[in-house]
């Protein structure tokens, strides 16, 4: 399992984007207009994505997530670098 250090970011948990402020996925831009496309927050950056765009999992112990949690591709790839 992958682990990421908050040192790669700002050393504090992100403020989650509000569901109401996210009419579409941050990455693929598909709209959240059906029950089949749910909103999911990346536990690392706090933005809202669809399930397909948050398919990666990793632990974020600096944020208090010791088990693997949902993260977006950008944050997952940042974890590979650090």
Protein backbone atom coordinates (compact mmCIF):
# COMPACT_ATOMS: atom_id res chain seq x y z
CA UNK A 1 0.00 0.00 0.00
CA UNK A 2 1.10 3.50 -0.74
CA UNK A 3 1.72 6.10 1.97
CA UNK A 4 1.99 9.82 1.39
CA UNK A 5 3.48 12.41 3.67
CA UNK A 6 1.72 15.71 4.14
CA UNK A 7 5.12 17.29 3.67
CA UNK A 8 4.37 17.05 -0.03
CA UNK A 9 1.41 19.35 0.56
CA UNK A 10 0.76 21.99 3.22
CA UNK A 11 1.07 19.83 6.35
CA UNK A 12 -2.61 20.19 7.18
CA UNK A 13 -5.79 18.46 6.10
CA UNK A 14 -7.47 20.05 3.11
CA UNK A 15 -10.72 21.93 3.38
CA UNK A 16 -13.25 19.84 1.48
CA UNK A 17 -14.97 21.39 -1.49
CA UNK A 18 -18.71 21.61 -0.83
CA UNK A 19 -20.89 19.21 -2.84
CA UNK A 20 -23.09 22.15 -3.84
CA UNK A 21 -20.07 23.85 -5.41
CA UNK A 22 -19.19 20.81 -7.54
CA UNK A 23 -21.70 20.25 -10.35
CA UNK A 24 -19.16 18.09 -12.19
CA UNK A 25 -16.04 16.00 -11.59
CA UNK A 26 -12.90 18.12 -11.11
CA UNK A 27 -10.91 15.87 -13.48
CA UNK A 28 -13.16 14.48 -16.25
CA UNK A 29 -15.82 17.24 -16.03
CA UNK A 30 -18.72 14.74 -16.17
CA UNK A 31 -21.81 16.14 -14.48
CA UNK A 32 -23.23 14.67 -11.28
CA UNK A 33 -26.78 14.49 -12.57
CA UNK A 34 -27.55 10.78 -12.21
CA UNK A 35 -27.66 8.48 -9.22
CA UNK A 36 -25.03 6.36 -10.99
CA UNK A 37 -22.39 9.10 -10.75
CA UNK A 38 -21.78 9.93 -7.12
CA UNK A 39 -19.57 12.65 -5.72
CA UNK A 40 -16.43 11.50 -3.92
CA UNK A 41 -13.92 13.68 -2.11
CA UNK A 42 -10.22 13.06 -2.51
CA UNK A 43 -9.00 12.71 1.07
CA UNK A 44 -5.72 14.38 0.13
CA UNK A 45 -6.72 17.54 -1.78
CA UNK A 46 -10.40 17.81 -0.79
CA UNK A 47 -11.78 18.32 -4.30
CA UNK A 48 -14.85 16.47 -5.60
CA UNK A 49 -14.47 13.77 -8.26
CA UNK A 50 -16.49 10.94 -9.74
CA UNK A 51 -15.76 7.37 -8.63
CA UNK A 52 -13.69 6.58 -11.72
CA UNK A 53 -11.41 9.58 -11.11
CA UNK A 54 -10.88 8.63 -7.44
CA UNK A 55 -10.19 4.95 -7.99
CA UNK A 56 -6.77 5.10 -6.32
CA UNK A 57 -6.25 4.31 -2.64
CA UNK A 58 -3.44 5.16 -0.26
CA UNK A 59 -2.86 5.87 3.41
CA UNK A 60 -2.38 9.45 4.61
CA UNK A 61 -1.04 9.12 8.16
CA UNK A 62 -0.16 12.82 8.44
CA UNK A 63 -3.87 13.53 7.92
CA UNK A 64 -4.96 10.80 10.35
CA UNK A 65 -5.84 8.21 7.69
CA UNK A 66 -3.80 5.15 8.63
CA UNK A 67 -5.85 2.79 6.49
CA UNK A 68 -6.04 3.31 2.75
CA UNK A 69 -8.53 5.97 1.62
CA UNK A 70 -9.84 7.34 -1.67
CA UNK A 71 -7.55 9.79 -3.50
CA UNK A 72 -7.53 11.36 -6.95
CA UNK A 73 -4.98 10.48 -9.61
CA UNK A 74 -2.99 13.72 -9.17
CA UNK A 75 -2.56 13.16 -5.42
CA UNK A 76 -1.80 9.48 -5.96
CA UNK A 77 0.91 10.34 -8.48
CA UNK A 78 2.31 13.00 -6.11
CA UNK A 79 2.64 10.26 -3.50
CA UNK A 80 4.82 8.26 -5.89
CA UNK A 81 7.21 11.20 -6.10
CA UNK A 82 7.51 11.79 -2.38
